Amino acid sequence: MPDTGKNILENFLTEFGKNKNEYFAWDANSGTSTRKSFLLKSAVVAQLIKSRVRGKYVGIMLPALQSTTLLIIASYMAGKVPVMLNWTVGHKVLTTCADLTDLEVIITAGAFFDKIEDQVPEEVSRRLLFLDKEVKNINLGMKLKGLLLSKFPALINTEIDETAVVLFTSGSETVPKAVPLTHKNVVSNLAFALKNFDIRVNSIFLSFLPPFHSFGFTVLSVLPLITGVKAAYTPNPTNIREVVDVLKHTNANNLIVTPTLLKMIMERSTKEDMASVELVISGAESLHKNTFESFLNLTDNQSVIVEGYGIT
């Protein structure tokens, strides 16, 4: 259980100080990471962020990937507050979101940016820092400092800003509003949820919801950082074939989905594909009775599905 009296970084360092050679996360880009390797990479990338970001906030514009979760924890190590950007909102809204927190640097990746370049205005593009290119230029001093901090995490400054993340409203009524969530908000929310769900310490979450949404950020980015659970990441929730392939490849146990996505996944899955699934939490829309019954049939009544639908 996470300690609600500590921030995300403190909980992370406590948790990752144990079972260091245990595997932590997987995605097709980075392969499998152990806790030890993830902590080391985070500490090194934190030095890069420190050297390139002068202000309080650092933008992150990436889908559900290991590198996104790594950037979140590296931002805290660098004393910065991550601002999660939604690249699908249109040029005007995206520029407004970047301006609301005076973002000078927005971290993304070259391969990902190539797919969404048309959705990103020039005012945002000129602030981009491409992580995959920059890590190749990290100097020896940064690497050595990152290594030292990963070996002796007590040296990491955990007295950081109480704001854990800045997210944005949809902008349906007016221009988007920047919404700061505190470490207390996020850790308390997860601690409460864990008291009500029977989640095994070594279970695997299939993570494909966008981290710019509060649910994706909290459950699929932060939860694995501060507990013993693992995460399997795949960046595109609409690529159902890929989602099912990752589910099979990693034997993920827990799915966080919308009913529409769950229905699409089940249409592409066999009973064998779903054999590892123990828990599904369905949200964002009402769970139709037919979808519920199809799920129970596909999993031979061996799995639990919970409807978490409610007012946003």
Protein backbone atom coordinates (compact mmCIF):
# COMPACT_ATOMS: atom_id res chain seq x y z
CA MET A 1 0.00 0.00 0.00
CA PRO A 2 1.30 3.48 -0.81
CA ASP A 3 1.95 5.84 2.10
CA THR A 4 -0.53 8.71 1.88
CA GLY A 5 1.78 10.84 4.00
CA LYS A 6 4.44 10.75 1.30
CA ASN A 7 4.56 12.16 -2.22
CA ILE A 8 4.84 10.04 -5.37
CA LEU A 9 8.64 10.34 -5.54
CA GLU A 10 9.07 9.25 -1.90
CA ASN A 11 6.73 6.29 -2.43
CA PHE A 12 8.59 5.38 -5.63
CA LEU A 13 12.01 5.38 -3.96
CA THR A 14 10.70 3.30 -1.06
CA GLU A 15 9.10 0.76 -3.38
CA PHE A 16 11.95 0.55 -5.90
CA GLY A 17 14.44 0.06 -3.08
CA LYS A 18 13.04 -3.47 -2.80
CA ASN A 19 13.35 -6.41 -5.19
CA LYS A 20 15.56 -4.40 -7.54
CA ASN A 21 16.02 -7.18 -10.08
CA GLU A 22 12.28 -7.81 -10.39
CA TYR A 23 10.94 -6.90 -13.82
CA PHE A 24 8.77 -3.80 -13.81
CA ALA A 25 7.44 -2.90 -17.23
CA TRP A 26 7.36 -3.86 -20.90
CA ASP A 27 6.61 -2.24 -24.22
CA ALA A 28 7.57 -3.01 -27.80
CA ASN A 29 9.95 -0.03 -27.99
CA SER A 30 11.98 -0.59 -24.81
CA GLY A 31 11.46 -4.28 -24.11
CA THR A 32 11.50 -5.37 -20.48
CA SER A 33 12.85 -3.16 -17.70
CA THR A 34 13.78 -4.22 -14.21
CA ARG A 35 13.23 -1.90 -11.27
CA LYS A 36 16.99 -1.34 -11.09
CA SER A 37 17.35 -0.36 -14.75
CA PHE A 38 14.24 1.84 -14.65
CA LEU A 39 15.51 3.74 -11.60
CA LEU A 40 18.92 4.24 -13.24
CA LYS A 41 17.43 5.55 -16.49
CA SER A 42 15.08 7.85 -14.56
CA ALA A 43 17.96 9.32 -12.54
CA VAL A 44 20.00 9.96 -15.71
CA VAL A 45 17.08 11.50 -17.63
CA ALA A 46 16.41 13.72 -14.59
CA GLN A 47 19.86 15.27 -15.15
CA LEU A 48 18.92 15.99 -18.77
CA ILE A 49 15.66 17.64 -17.70
CA LYS A 50 17.48 19.73 -15.09
CA SER A 51 19.93 20.97 -17.68
CA ARG A 52 17.31 21.84 -20.31
CA VAL A 53 14.30 23.11 -18.34
CA ARG A 54 14.64 26.40 -16.49
CA GLY A 55 11.07 26.90 -15.32
CA LYS A 56 8.86 25.00 -12.90
CA TYR A 57 6.94 23.04 -15.55
CA VAL A 58 8.00 20.53 -18.19
CA GLY A 59 5.64 19.41 -20.94
CA ILE A 60 5.23 15.72 -21.82
CA MET A 61 3.52 14.80 -25.09
CA LEU A 62 3.62 11.02 -25.45
CA PRO A 63 1.14 8.12 -25.40
CA ALA A 64 1.13 5.15 -23.00
CA LEU A 65 4.76 4.03 -23.04
CA GLN A 66 7.46 3.13 -20.53
CA SER A 67 9.28 6.32 -21.50
CA THR A 68 6.23 8.42 -20.55
CA THR A 69 6.10 6.92 -17.06
CA LEU A 70 9.88 7.30 -16.81
CA LEU A 71 9.63 11.00 -17.73
CA ILE A 72 7.02 11.56 -15.03
CA ILE A 73 9.25 10.22 -12.25
CA ALA A 74 12.37 11.85 -13.78
CA SER A 75 10.55 15.20 -13.71
CA TYR A 76 10.06 14.86 -9.96
CA MET A 77 13.72 13.93 -9.51
CA ALA A 78 14.61 17.09 -11.44
CA GLY A 79 12.34 19.18 -9.22
CA LYS A 80 9.86 19.86 -12.01
CA VAL A 81 6.09 19.45 -12.43
CA PRO A 82 4.99 17.41 -15.47
CA VAL A 83 2.33 18.95 -17.73
CA MET A 84 0.57 16.27 -19.78
CA LEU A 85 -0.46 17.47 -23.25
CA ASN A 86 -3.22 16.06 -25.46
CA TRP A 87 -2.09 16.31 -29.10
CA THR A 88 -5.60 15.52 -30.46
CA VAL A 89 -7.34 18.73 -29.36
CA GLY A 90 -6.47 20.90 -32.39
CA HIS A 91 -3.86 23.58 -33.04
CA LYS A 92 -5.50 26.45 -31.16
CA VAL A 93 -6.34 24.48 -28.02
CA LEU A 94 -2.94 22.75 -27.89
CA THR A 95 -1.17 26.12 -28.13
CA THR A 96 -3.42 27.51 -25.38
CA CYS A 97 -2.57 24.55 -23.12
CA ALA A 98 1.16 25.02 -23.67
CA ASP A 99 0.87 28.75 -22.96
CA LEU A 100 -1.21 28.38 -19.79
CA THR A 101 1.78 26.96 -17.92
CA ASP A 102 4.43 28.93 -19.84
CA LEU A 103 6.00 25.75 -21.21
CA GLU A 104 9.44 26.34 -22.68
CA VAL A 105 10.23 22.65 -23.20
CA ILE A 106 7.87 19.86 -24.25
CA ILE A 107 9.36 16.37 -24.33
CA THR A 108 8.27 13.90 -27.00
CA ALA A 109 9.91 11.30 -29.28
CA GLY A 110 10.82 11.53 -32.94
CA ALA A 111 9.03 8.37 -34.08
CA PHE A 112 5.85 9.42 -32.29
CA PHE A 113 6.00 13.02 -33.52
CA ASP A 114 6.30 11.83 -37.13
CA LYS A 115 2.83 10.25 -36.74
CA ILE A 116 1.15 13.33 -35.27
CA GLU A 117 3.10 16.20 -36.88
CA ASP A 118 0.00 17.55 -38.66
CA GLN A 119 -1.78 17.87 -35.30
CA VAL A 120 0.95 20.01 -33.74
CA PRO A 121 1.13 23.76 -34.51
CA GLU A 122 4.41 25.57 -35.11
CA GLU A 123 4.04 27.44 -31.79
CA VAL A 124 4.29 24.08 -30.02
CA SER A 125 6.73 22.35 -32.40
CA ARG A 126 9.47 24.88 -31.71
CA ARG A 127 9.43 23.95 -28.00
CA LEU A 128 9.87 20.22 -28.56
CA LEU A 129 12.74 18.21 -27.13
CA PHE A 130 13.06 14.76 -28.70
CA LEU A 131 14.00 12.32 -25.95
CA ASP A 132 15.25 9.58 -28.29
CA LYS A 133 17.72 12.01 -29.86
CA GLU A 134 18.75 13.82 -26.69
CA VAL A 135 19.62 10.70 -24.68
CA LYS A 136 22.37 9.94 -27.18
CA ASN A 137 24.00 13.26 -26.28
CA ILE A 138 23.86 12.90 -22.48
CA ASN A 139 27.37 13.60 -21.26
CA LEU A 140 29.48 11.47 -18.94
CA GLY A 141 28.93 13.80 -15.98
CA MET A 142 25.16 13.39 -16.20
CA LYS A 143 25.49 9.62 -16.51
CA LEU A 144 27.77 9.40 -13.49
CA LYS A 145 25.50 11.60 -11.38
CA GLY A 146 22.48 9.52 -12.41
CA LEU A 147 24.35 6.34 -11.53
CA LEU A 148 25.33 7.76 -8.12
CA LEU A 149 21.75 8.76 -7.32
CA SER A 150 20.39 5.39 -8.40
CA LYS A 151 22.92 3.64 -6.13
CA PHE A 152 22.25 5.99 -3.22
CA PRO A 153 18.63 7.20 -3.62
CA ALA A 154 18.76 8.85 -0.19
CA LEU A 155 20.72 11.61 -1.99
CA ILE A 156 17.70 12.44 -4.17
CA ASN A 157 15.87 15.56 -3.02
CA THR A 158 12.28 14.51 -2.31
CA GLU A 159 11.13 17.91 -1.05
CA ILE A 160 9.34 18.80 -4.25
CA ASP A 161 6.35 20.91 -5.27
CA GLU A 162 3.04 19.65 -3.88
CA THR A 163 1.61 19.65 -7.44
CA ALA A 164 2.07 16.21 -9.02
CA VAL A 165 0.75 17.01 -12.49
CA VAL A 166 -1.09 19.57 -14.56
CA LEU A 167 -3.88 18.23 -16.76
CA PHE A 168 -6.44 20.09 -18.85
CA THR A 169 -10.20 20.20 -19.12
CA SER A 170 -11.72 19.37 -22.51
CA GLY A 171 -12.50 22.99 -23.35
CA SER A 172 -16.09 22.13 -24.28
CA GLU A 173 -17.50 25.19 -22.47
CA THR A 174 -14.69 27.67 -23.04
CA VAL A 175 -10.91 27.52 -23.46
CA PRO A 176 -9.34 24.58 -21.57
CA LYS A 177 -8.53 25.09 -17.90
CA ALA A 178 -5.25 23.91 -16.42
CA VAL A 179 -6.01 21.60 -13.49
CA PRO A 180 -3.25 20.92 -10.95
CA LEU A 181 -3.53 17.64 -9.06
CA THR A 182 -1.43 17.31 -5.93
CA HIS A 183 0.62 14.31 -4.85
CA LYS A 184 -1.88 13.98 -1.99
CA ASN A 185 -4.75 13.84 -4.51
CA VAL A 186 -3.19 11.04 -6.54
CA VAL A 187 -1.69 8.90 -3.75
CA SER A 188 -4.82 9.12 -1.57
CA ASN A 189 -7.03 8.21 -4.51
CA LEU A 190 -4.97 5.11 -5.25
CA ALA A 191 -4.70 4.09 -1.59
CA PHE A 192 -8.49 4.26 -1.25
CA ALA A 193 -9.01 2.24 -4.44
CA LEU A 194 -6.56 -0.45 -3.34
CA LYS A 195 -8.54 -0.95 -0.13
CA ASN A 196 -11.58 -1.79 -2.25
CA PHE A 197 -10.04 -3.96 -4.99
CA ASP A 198 -8.31 -7.28 -4.57
CA ILE A 199 -5.24 -6.65 -6.73
CA ARG A 200 -2.29 -9.01 -6.47
CA VAL A 201 1.08 -7.40 -5.85
CA ASN A 202 2.68 -9.11 -8.85
CA SER A 203 -0.22 -8.61 -11.25
CA ILE A 204 0.22 -6.89 -14.62
CA PHE A 205 -1.86 -3.96 -15.85
CA LEU A 206 -2.37 -3.61 -19.59
CA SER A 207 -1.80 0.10 -20.12
CA PHE A 208 -3.08 1.81 -23.25
CA LEU A 209 -5.22 4.71 -21.97
CA PRO A 210 -3.66 8.15 -22.63
CA PRO A 211 -1.61 9.60 -19.76
CA PHE A 212 -3.01 13.08 -20.43
CA HIS A 213 -6.27 11.87 -18.86
CA SER A 214 -6.54 11.74 -15.05
CA PHE A 215 -7.50 8.04 -15.06
CA GLY A 216 -4.71 6.99 -17.40
CA PHE A 217 -2.21 9.11 -15.48
CA THR A 218 -3.24 7.91 -12.02
CA VAL A 219 -3.87 4.21 -12.55
CA LEU A 220 -1.60 3.28 -15.43
CA SER A 221 1.35 5.65 -14.90
CA VAL A 222 1.57 6.33 -11.15
CA LEU A 223 0.14 3.11 -9.66
CA PRO A 224 2.98 0.89 -10.98
CA LEU A 225 5.53 3.43 -9.68
CA ILE A 226 4.36 3.33 -6.07
CA THR A 227 3.19 -0.29 -5.63
CA GLY A 228 4.38 -3.75 -6.60
CA VAL A 229 2.22 -4.03 -9.73
CA LYS A 230 3.71 -4.20 -13.21
CA ALA A 231 2.66 -2.56 -16.46
CA ALA A 232 2.59 -3.64 -20.10
CA TYR A 233 2.32 -0.60 -22.35
CA THR A 234 0.94 -0.25 -25.86
CA PRO A 235 0.47 3.28 -27.21
CA ASN A 236 -2.57 3.10 -29.49
CA PRO A 237 -5.89 2.06 -27.88
CA THR A 238 -7.60 2.04 -31.29
CA ASN A 239 -5.20 -0.58 -32.68
CA ILE A 240 -7.19 -3.47 -31.24
CA ARG A 241 -5.13 -6.19 -32.90
CA GLU A 242 -1.99 -4.81 -31.25
CA VAL A 243 -3.74 -4.50 -27.87
CA VAL A 244 -4.78 -8.17 -28.02
CA ASP A 245 -1.27 -9.22 -29.13
CA VAL A 246 0.28 -7.40 -26.14
CA LEU A 247 -2.31 -8.92 -23.82
CA LYS A 248 -1.32 -12.41 -25.01
CA HIS A 249 2.43 -11.69 -25.07
CA THR A 250 2.57 -10.33 -21.52
CA ASN A 251 -0.23 -12.37 -19.90
CA ALA A 252 -1.63 -9.15 -18.43
CA ASN A 253 -4.16 -9.63 -15.62
CA ASN A 254 -5.91 -6.28 -15.24
CA LEU A 255 -7.64 -4.21 -17.94
CA ILE A 256 -8.84 -0.63 -17.53
CA VAL A 257 -11.22 0.05 -20.44
CA THR A 258 -14.31 1.74 -21.77
CA PRO A 259 -17.20 -0.60 -22.66
CA THR A 260 -16.73 0.27 -26.34
CA LEU A 261 -13.05 -0.71 -26.23
CA LEU A 262 -13.83 -3.86 -24.25
CA LYS A 263 -16.41 -4.90 -26.84
CA MET A 264 -13.87 -4.34 -29.65
CA ILE A 265 -11.20 -6.31 -27.77
CA MET A 266 -13.57 -9.22 -27.17
CA GLU A 267 -14.56 -9.29 -30.85
CA ARG A 268 -10.90 -9.88 -31.73
CA SER A 269 -10.15 -12.30 -28.86
CA THR A 270 -10.51 -16.00 -28.18
CA LYS A 271 -10.93 -17.59 -24.76
CA GLU A 272 -7.23 -18.43 -24.91
CA ASP A 273 -6.36 -14.76 -25.54
CA MET A 274 -8.31 -13.70 -22.43
CA ALA A 275 -7.13 -16.55 -20.21
CA SER A 276 -4.81 -14.37 -18.08
CA VAL A 277 -7.40 -11.65 -17.37
CA GLU A 278 -8.55 -11.52 -13.74
CA LEU A 279 -10.04 -8.06 -13.38
CA VAL A 280 -11.63 -5.55 -15.75
CA ILE A 281 -12.63 -2.08 -14.60
CA SER A 282 -15.01 -0.48 -17.07
CA GLY A 283 -15.57 3.27 -17.04
CA ALA A 284 -16.40 6.46 -18.96
CA GLU A 285 -19.70 5.06 -20.27
CA SER A 286 -22.43 2.73 -19.09
CA LEU A 287 -21.66 -1.00 -19.32
CA HIS A 288 -24.28 -2.67 -21.51
CA LYS A 289 -25.74 -5.95 -20.26
CA ASN A 290 -24.77 -7.75 -23.51
CA THR A 291 -21.12 -6.68 -23.13
CA PHE A 292 -21.14 -7.84 -19.51
CA GLU A 293 -22.55 -11.25 -20.42
CA SER A 294 -20.16 -11.65 -23.38
CA PHE A 295 -17.22 -10.98 -21.08
CA LEU A 296 -18.31 -13.57 -18.52
CA ASN A 297 -18.80 -16.11 -21.31
CA LEU A 298 -15.42 -15.40 -22.89
CA THR A 299 -13.64 -15.78 -19.53
CA ASP A 300 -15.72 -18.78 -18.39
CA ASN A 301 -16.93 -16.82 -15.36
CA GLN A 302 -13.39 -16.91 -13.96
CA SER A 303 -12.86 -13.14 -14.15
CA VAL A 304 -14.36 -10.12 -12.43
CA ILE A 305 -15.72 -7.08 -14.24
CA VAL A 306 -16.50 -3.91 -12.30
CA GLU A 307 -18.54 -0.99 -13.61
CA GLY A 308 -16.85 2.22 -12.52
CA TYR A 309 -19.08 4.51 -14.54
CA GLY A 310 -20.14 7.83 -13.03
CA ILE A 311 -20.27 11.56 -13.60
CA THR A 312 -16.90 12.93 -14.72
